Amino acid sequence: MIPKKNGYEVCEAIRADARYQGVKIIMLTAKGREVEQEKGLALGADDYVTKPFATRELVLKVRAMLGLQND
């Protein structure tokens, strides 16, 4: 957990700032309920990954998001 702000608040702040319009956001969290995932995506996250997660799967998601070829 992050101090002072939660991940939803950070995501919302990034999306509200025009300087970060092109920033991609993957929420990586222990909060895995469907309602929490829906909230993260509704606030502007591009993807939502719950712990525990497979490192390879996360790398593939990041590469795809950045438009890099996955081998």
PDB file of N, CA and C in Angstrom:
ATOM      1  N   MET A   1       0.834  -1.180   0.000  1.00  0.00           N
ATOM      2  CA  MET A   1       0.000   0.000   0.000  1.00  0.00           C
ATOM      3  C   MET A   1       0.886   1.253   0.000  1.00  0.00           C
ATOM      4  N   ILE A   2       0.468   2.251  -0.710  1.00  0.00           N
ATOM      5  CA  ILE A   2       1.240   3.488  -0.801  1.00  0.00           C
ATOM      6  C   ILE A   2       0.799   4.435   0.322  1.00  0.00           C
ATOM      7  N   PRO A   3       1.745   5.144   0.914  1.00  0.00           N
ATOM      8  CA  PRO A   3       1.353   6.092   1.970  1.00  0.00           C
ATOM      9  C   PRO A   3       0.682   7.342   1.396  1.00  0.00           C
ATOM     10  N   LYS A   4      -0.213   7.913   2.161  1.00  0.00           N
ATOM     11  CA  LYS A   4      -0.878   9.189   1.897  1.00  0.00           C
ATOM     12  C   LYS A   4      -1.966   9.133   0.827  1.00  0.00           C
ATOM     13  N   LYS A   5      -1.716   8.511  -0.313  1.00  0.00           N
ATOM     14  CA  LYS A   5      -2.723   8.376  -1.370  1.00  0.00           C
ATOM     15  C   LYS A   5      -2.815   6.911  -1.749  1.00  0.00           C
ATOM     16  N   ASN A   6      -4.000   6.499  -2.179  1.00  0.00           N
ATOM     17  CA  ASN A   6      -4.095   5.125  -2.665  1.00  0.00           C
ATOM     18  C   ASN A   6      -3.898   5.114  -4.185  1.00  0.00           C
ATOM     19  N   GLY A   7      -3.794   3.936  -4.750  1.00  0.00           N
ATOM     20  CA  GLY A   7      -3.541   3.812  -6.179  1.00  0.00           C
ATOM     21  C   GLY A   7      -4.615   4.432  -7.048  1.00  0.00           C
ATOM     22  N   TYR A   8      -5.848   4.368  -6.577  1.00  0.00           N
ATOM     23  CA  TYR A   8      -6.944   4.978  -7.330  1.00  0.00           C
ATOM     24  C   TYR A   8      -6.753   6.491  -7.410  1.00  0.00           C
ATOM     25  N   GLU A   9      -6.364   7.100  -6.291  1.00  0.00           N
ATOM     26  CA  GLU A   9      -6.150   8.549  -6.262  1.00  0.00           C
ATOM     27  C   GLU A   9      -4.977   8.955  -7.150  1.00  0.00           C
ATOM     28  N   VAL A  10      -3.921   8.146  -7.149  1.00  0.00           N
ATOM     29  CA  VAL A  10      -2.767   8.433  -8.006  1.00  0.00           C
ATOM     30  C   VAL A  10      -3.171   8.334  -9.477  1.00  0.00           C
ATOM     31  N   CYS A  11      -3.898   7.285  -9.822  1.00  0.00           N
ATOM     32  CA  CYS A  11      -4.366   7.100 -11.197  1.00  0.00           C
ATOM     33  C   CYS A  11      -5.233   8.280 -11.627  1.00  0.00           C
ATOM     34  N   GLU A  12      -6.150   8.666 -10.784  1.00  0.00           N
ATOM     35  CA  GLU A  12      -7.051   9.784 -11.081  1.00  0.00           C
ATOM     36  C   GLU A  12      -6.275  11.089 -11.269  1.00  0.00           C
ATOM     37  N   ALA A  13      -5.271  11.318 -10.425  1.00  0.00           N
ATOM     38  CA  ALA A  13      -4.466  12.544 -10.520  1.00  0.00           C
ATOM     39  C   ALA A  13      -3.671  12.575 -11.824  1.00  0.00           C
ATOM     40  N   ILE A  14      -3.120  11.436 -12.207  1.00  0.00           N
ATOM     41  CA  ILE A  14      -2.359  11.372 -13.462  1.00  0.00           C
ATOM     42  C   ILE A  14      -3.283  11.656 -14.642  1.00  0.00           C
ATOM     43  N   ARG A  15      -4.454  11.052 -14.645  1.00  0.00           N
ATOM     44  CA  ARG A  15      -5.396  11.257 -15.744  1.00  0.00           C
ATOM     45  C   ARG A  15      -5.944  12.683 -15.796  1.00  0.00           C
ATOM     46  N   ALA A  16      -5.968  13.367 -14.667  1.00  0.00           N
ATOM     47  CA  ALA A  16      -6.497  14.732 -14.618  1.00  0.00           C
ATOM     48  C   ALA A  16      -5.482  15.772 -15.090  1.00  0.00           C
ATOM     49  N   ASP A  17      -4.225  15.385 -15.201  1.00  0.00           N
ATOM     50  CA  ASP A  17      -3.159  16.316 -15.566  1.00  0.00           C
ATOM     51  C   ASP A  17      -2.820  16.149 -17.053  1.00  0.00           C
ATOM     52  N   ALA A  18      -3.095  17.160 -17.840  1.00  0.00           N
ATOM     53  CA  ALA A  18      -2.882  17.102 -19.295  1.00  0.00           C
ATOM     54  C   ALA A  18      -1.432  16.808 -19.672  1.00  0.00           C
ATOM     55  N   ARG A  19      -0.491  17.158 -18.799  1.00  0.00           N
ATOM     56  CA  ARG A  19       0.928  16.891 -19.099  1.00  0.00           C
ATOM     57  C   ARG A  19       1.223  15.396 -19.204  1.00  0.00           C
ATOM     58  N   TYR A  20       0.386  14.588 -18.583  1.00  0.00           N
ATOM     59  CA  TYR A  20       0.614  13.140 -18.566  1.00  0.00           C
ATOM     60  C   TYR A  20      -0.392  12.387 -19.420  1.00  0.00           C
ATOM     61  N   GLN A  21      -0.955  13.055 -20.389  1.00  0.00           N
ATOM     62  CA  GLN A  21      -2.005  12.475 -21.218  1.00  0.00           C
ATOM     63  C   GLN A  21      -1.576  11.155 -21.866  1.00  0.00           C
ATOM     64  N   GLY A  22      -0.348  11.041 -22.291  1.00  0.00           N
ATOM     65  CA  GLY A  22       0.116   9.839 -22.979  1.00  0.00           C
ATOM     66  C   GLY A  22       0.671   8.755 -22.079  1.00  0.00           C
ATOM     67  N   VAL A  23       0.673   8.980 -20.779  1.00  0.00           N
ATOM     68  CA  VAL A  23       1.230   8.009 -19.838  1.00  0.00           C
ATOM     69  C   VAL A  23       0.310   6.785 -19.748  1.00  0.00           C
ATOM     70  N   LYS A  24       0.898   5.628 -19.824  1.00  0.00           N
ATOM     71  CA  LYS A  24       0.155   4.375 -19.669  1.00  0.00           C
ATOM     72  C   LYS A  24       0.201   3.973 -18.199  1.00  0.00           C
ATOM     73  N   ILE A  25      -0.908   3.449 -17.702  1.00  0.00           N
ATOM     74  CA  ILE A  25      -0.996   3.056 -16.299  1.00  0.00           C
ATOM     75  C   ILE A  25      -1.430   1.605 -16.198  1.00  0.00           C
ATOM     76  N   ILE A  26      -0.611   0.809 -15.524  1.00  0.00           N
ATOM     77  CA  ILE A  26      -0.986  -0.547 -15.155  1.00  0.00           C
ATOM     78  C   ILE A  26      -1.048  -0.564 -13.632  1.00  0.00           C
ATOM     79  N   MET A  27      -2.209  -0.824 -13.114  1.00  0.00           N
ATOM     80  CA  MET A  27      -2.347  -0.942 -11.665  1.00  0.00           C
ATOM     81  C   MET A  27      -1.927  -2.346 -11.268  1.00  0.00           C
ATOM     82  N   LEU A  28      -0.960  -2.439 -10.355  1.00  0.00           N
ATOM     83  CA  LEU A  28      -0.465  -3.713  -9.849  1.00  0.00           C
ATOM     84  C   LEU A  28      -0.821  -3.753  -8.372  1.00  0.00           C
ATOM     85  N   THR A  29      -1.759  -4.608  -8.000  1.00  0.00           N
ATOM     86  CA  THR A  29      -2.351  -4.520  -6.676  1.00  0.00           C
ATOM     87  C   THR A  29      -2.747  -5.870  -6.105  1.00  0.00           C
ATOM     88  N   ALA A  30      -2.899  -5.892  -4.795  1.00  0.00           N
ATOM     89  CA  ALA A  30      -3.405  -7.078  -4.107  1.00  0.00           C
ATOM     90  C   ALA A  30      -4.924  -7.083  -4.085  1.00  0.00           C
ATOM     91  N   LYS A  31      -5.526  -5.981  -4.480  1.00  0.00           N
ATOM     92  CA  LYS A  31      -6.990  -5.872  -4.479  1.00  0.00           C
ATOM     93  C   LYS A  31      -7.531  -6.495  -5.759  1.00  0.00           C
ATOM     94  N   GLY A  32      -8.028  -7.728  -5.638  1.00  0.00           N
ATOM     95  CA  GLY A  32      -8.399  -8.469  -6.827  1.00  0.00           C
ATOM     96  C   GLY A  32      -9.877  -8.646  -7.088  1.00  0.00           C
ATOM     97  N   ARG A  33     -10.715  -8.050  -6.259  1.00  0.00           N
ATOM     98  CA  ARG A  33     -12.151  -8.208  -6.518  1.00  0.00           C
ATOM     99  C   ARG A  33     -12.534  -7.482  -7.802  1.00  0.00           C
ATOM    100  N   GLU A  34     -13.547  -8.013  -8.463  1.00  0.00           N
ATOM    101  CA  GLU A  34     -13.980  -7.450  -9.746  1.00  0.00           C
ATOM    102  C   GLU A  34     -14.372  -5.979  -9.628  1.00  0.00           C
ATOM    103  N   VAL A  35     -15.035  -5.614  -8.539  1.00  0.00           N
ATOM    104  CA  VAL A  35     -15.466  -4.228  -8.356  1.00  0.00           C
ATOM    105  C   VAL A  35     -14.257  -3.289  -8.252  1.00  0.00           C
ATOM    106  N   GLU A  36     -13.172  -3.768  -7.643  1.00  0.00           N
ATOM    107  CA  GLU A  36     -11.959  -2.949  -7.534  1.00  0.00           C
ATOM    108  C   GLU A  36     -11.282  -2.792  -8.892  1.00  0.00           C
ATOM    109  N   GLN A  37     -11.264  -3.869  -9.658  1.00  0.00           N
ATOM    110  CA  GLN A  37     -10.699  -3.804 -11.001  1.00  0.00           C
ATOM    111  C   GLN A  37     -11.510  -2.844 -11.869  1.00  0.00           C
ATOM    112  N   GLU A  38     -12.811  -2.929 -11.812  1.00  0.00           N
ATOM    113  CA  GLU A  38     -13.674  -2.042 -12.588  1.00  0.00           C
ATOM    114  C   GLU A  38     -13.438  -0.580 -12.198  1.00  0.00           C
ATOM    115  N   LYS A  39     -13.250  -0.331 -10.909  1.00  0.00           N
ATOM    116  CA  LYS A  39     -12.995   1.033 -10.440  1.00  0.00           C
ATOM    117  C   LYS A  39     -11.679   1.560 -11.009  1.00  0.00           C
ATOM    118  N   GLY A  40     -10.615   0.747 -10.959  1.00  0.00           N
ATOM    119  CA  GLY A  40      -9.319   1.164 -11.499  1.00  0.00           C
ATOM    120  C   GLY A  40      -9.396   1.495 -12.978  1.00  0.00           C
ATOM    121  N   LEU A  41     -10.062   0.650 -13.730  1.00  0.00           N
ATOM    122  CA  LEU A  41     -10.197   0.879 -15.167  1.00  0.00           C
ATOM    123  C   LEU A  41     -11.078   2.095 -15.446  1.00  0.00           C
ATOM    124  N   ALA A  42     -12.118   2.281 -14.648  1.00  0.00           N
ATOM    125  CA  ALA A  42     -13.005   3.438 -14.823  1.00  0.00           C
ATOM    126  C   ALA A  42     -12.286   4.752 -14.525  1.00  0.00           C
ATOM    127  N   LEU A  43     -11.305   4.709 -13.633  1.00  0.00           N
ATOM    128  CA  LEU A  43     -10.545   5.918 -13.295  1.00  0.00           C
ATOM    129  C   LEU A  43      -9.431   6.204 -14.299  1.00  0.00           C
ATOM    130  N   GLY A  44      -9.258   5.294 -15.262  1.00  0.00           N
ATOM    131  CA  GLY A  44      -8.305   5.578 -16.329  1.00  0.00           C
ATOM    132  C   GLY A  44      -7.124   4.649 -16.447  1.00  0.00           C
ATOM    133  N   ALA A  45      -7.047   3.627 -15.611  1.00  0.00           N
ATOM    134  CA  ALA A  45      -5.947   2.670 -15.763  1.00  0.00           C
ATOM    135  C   ALA A  45      -6.101   1.950 -17.099  1.00  0.00           C
ATOM    136  N   ASP A  46      -4.988   1.677 -17.729  1.00  0.00           N
ATOM    137  CA  ASP A  46      -5.012   0.962 -19.000  1.00  0.00           C
ATOM    138  C   ASP A  46      -5.115  -0.547 -18.806  1.00  0.00           C
ATOM    139  N   ASP A  47      -4.644  -1.007 -17.666  1.00  0.00           N
ATOM    140  CA  ASP A  47      -4.719  -2.427 -17.339  1.00  0.00           C
ATOM    141  C   ASP A  47      -4.678  -2.565 -15.828  1.00  0.00           C
ATOM    142  N   TYR A  48      -5.026  -3.742 -15.352  1.00  0.00           N
ATOM    143  CA  TYR A  48      -5.129  -3.991 -13.916  1.00  0.00           C
ATOM    144  C   TYR A  48      -4.621  -5.401 -13.681  1.00  0.00           C
ATOM    145  N   VAL A  49      -3.559  -5.541 -12.912  1.00  0.00           N
ATOM    146  CA  VAL A  49      -2.960  -6.840 -12.643  1.00  0.00           C
ATOM    147  C   VAL A  49      -2.990  -7.079 -11.139  1.00  0.00           C
ATOM    148  N   THR A  50      -3.440  -8.260 -10.748  1.00  0.00           N
ATOM    149  CA  THR A  50      -3.519  -8.568  -9.322  1.00  0.00           C
ATOM    150  C   THR A  50      -2.385  -9.491  -8.889  1.00  0.00           C
ATOM    151  N   LYS A  51      -1.998  -9.333  -7.640  1.00  0.00           N
ATOM    152  CA  LYS A  51      -0.982 -10.186  -7.039  1.00  0.00           C
ATOM    153  C   LYS A  51      -1.661 -11.438  -6.510  1.00  0.00           C
ATOM    154  N   PRO A  52      -1.002 -12.567  -6.545  1.00  0.00           N
ATOM    155  CA  PRO A  52       0.284 -12.801  -7.186  1.00  0.00           C
ATOM    156  C   PRO A  52       0.114 -12.780  -8.704  1.00  0.00           C
ATOM    157  N   PHE A  53       1.193 -12.456  -9.389  1.00  0.00           N
ATOM    158  CA  PHE A  53       1.145 -12.372 -10.848  1.00  0.00           C
ATOM    159  C   PHE A  53       2.372 -13.063 -11.422  1.00  0.00           C
ATOM    160  N   ALA A  54       2.252 -13.469 -12.664  1.00  0.00           N
ATOM    161  CA  ALA A  54       3.382 -14.076 -13.366  1.00  0.00           C
ATOM    162  C   ALA A  54       4.199 -12.958 -13.997  1.00  0.00           C
ATOM    163  N   THR A  55       5.482 -12.915 -13.689  1.00  0.00           N
ATOM    164  CA  THR A  55       6.361 -11.871 -14.211  1.00  0.00           C
ATOM    165  C   THR A  55       6.312 -11.827 -15.734  1.00  0.00           C
ATOM    166  N   ARG A  56       6.345 -12.965 -16.360  1.00  0.00           N
ATOM    167  CA  ARG A  56       6.316 -13.026 -17.833  1.00  0.00           C
ATOM    168  C   ARG A  56       5.042 -12.381 -18.372  1.00  0.00           C
ATOM    169  N   GLU A  57       3.915 -12.672 -17.732  1.00  0.00           N
ATOM    170  CA  GLU A  57       2.643 -12.088 -18.164  1.00  0.00           C
ATOM    171  C   GLU A  57       2.675 -10.561 -18.062  1.00  0.00           C
ATOM    172  N   LEU A  58       3.233 -10.053 -16.972  1.00  0.00           N
ATOM    173  CA  LEU A  58       3.329  -8.605 -16.788  1.00  0.00           C
ATOM    174  C   LEU A  58       4.239  -7.986 -17.846  1.00  0.00           C
ATOM    175  N   VAL A  59       5.361  -8.622 -18.115  1.00  0.00           N
ATOM    176  CA  VAL A  59       6.285  -8.117 -19.136  1.00  0.00           C
ATOM    177  C   VAL A  59       5.604  -8.087 -20.499  1.00  0.00           C
ATOM    178  N   LEU A  60       4.850  -9.119 -20.824  1.00  0.00           N
ATOM    179  CA  LEU A  60       4.135  -9.154 -22.103  1.00  0.00           C
ATOM    180  C   LEU A  60       3.111  -8.029 -22.196  1.00  0.00           C
ATOM    181  N   LYS A  61       2.413  -7.756 -21.100  1.00  0.00           N
ATOM    182  CA  LYS A  61       1.431  -6.665 -21.087  1.00  0.00           C
ATOM    183  C   LYS A  61       2.119  -5.315 -21.300  1.00  0.00           C
ATOM    184  N   VAL A  62       3.233  -5.109 -20.617  1.00  0.00           N
ATOM    185  CA  VAL A  62       3.963  -3.839 -20.751  1.00  0.00           C
ATOM    186  C   VAL A  62       4.484  -3.678 -22.169  1.00  0.00           C
ATOM    187  N   ARG A  63       5.080  -4.723 -22.714  1.00  0.00           N
ATOM    188  CA  ARG A  63       5.600  -4.652 -24.080  1.00  0.00           C
ATOM    189  C   ARG A  63       4.481  -4.355 -25.079  1.00  0.00           C
ATOM    190  N   ALA A  64       3.337  -5.008 -24.909  1.00  0.00           N
ATOM    191  CA  ALA A  64       2.201  -4.768 -25.812  1.00  0.00           C
ATOM    192  C   ALA A  64       1.718  -3.334 -25.679  1.00  0.00           C
ATOM    193  N   MET A  65       1.651  -2.828 -24.458  1.00  0.00           N
ATOM    194  CA  MET A  65       1.189  -1.474 -24.225  1.00  0.00           C
ATOM    195  C   MET A  65       2.123  -0.443 -24.855  1.00  0.00           C
ATOM    196  N   LEU A  66       3.409  -0.768 -24.877  1.00  0.00           N
ATOM    197  CA  LEU A  66       4.393   0.136 -25.454  1.00  0.00           C
ATOM    198  C   LEU A  66       4.553  -0.057 -26.964  1.00  0.00           C
ATOM    199  N   GLY A  67       3.817  -1.032 -27.501  1.00  0.00           N
ATOM    200  CA  GLY A  67       3.886  -1.286 -28.945  1.00  0.00           C
ATOM    201  C   GLY A  67       5.129  -2.016 -29.348  1.00  0.00           C
ATOM    202  N   LEU A  68       5.710  -2.759 -28.412  1.00  0.00           N
ATOM    203  CA  LEU A  68       6.916  -3.536 -28.698  1.00  0.00           C
ATOM    204  C   LEU A  68       6.516  -4.950 -29.069  1.00  0.00           C
ATOM    205  N   GLN A  69       7.308  -5.558 -29.935  1.00  0.00           N
ATOM    206  CA  GLN A  69       7.025  -6.897 -30.382  1.00  0.00           C
ATOM    207  C   GLN A  69       7.290  -7.881 -29.246  1.00  0.00           C
ATOM    208  N   ASN A  70       6.361  -8.810 -29.034  1.00  0.00           N
ATOM    209  CA  ASN A  70       6.547  -9.860 -28.034  1.00  0.00           C
ATOM    210  C   ASN A  70       7.073 -11.100 -28.718  1.00  0.00           C
ATOM    211  N   ASP A  71       8.170 -11.609 -28.199  1.00  0.00           N
ATOM    212  CA  ASP A  71       8.773 -12.837 -28.760  1.00  0.00           C
ATOM    213  C   ASP A  71       8.424 -14.030 -27.922  1.00  0.00           C
TER     214      ASP A  71
END
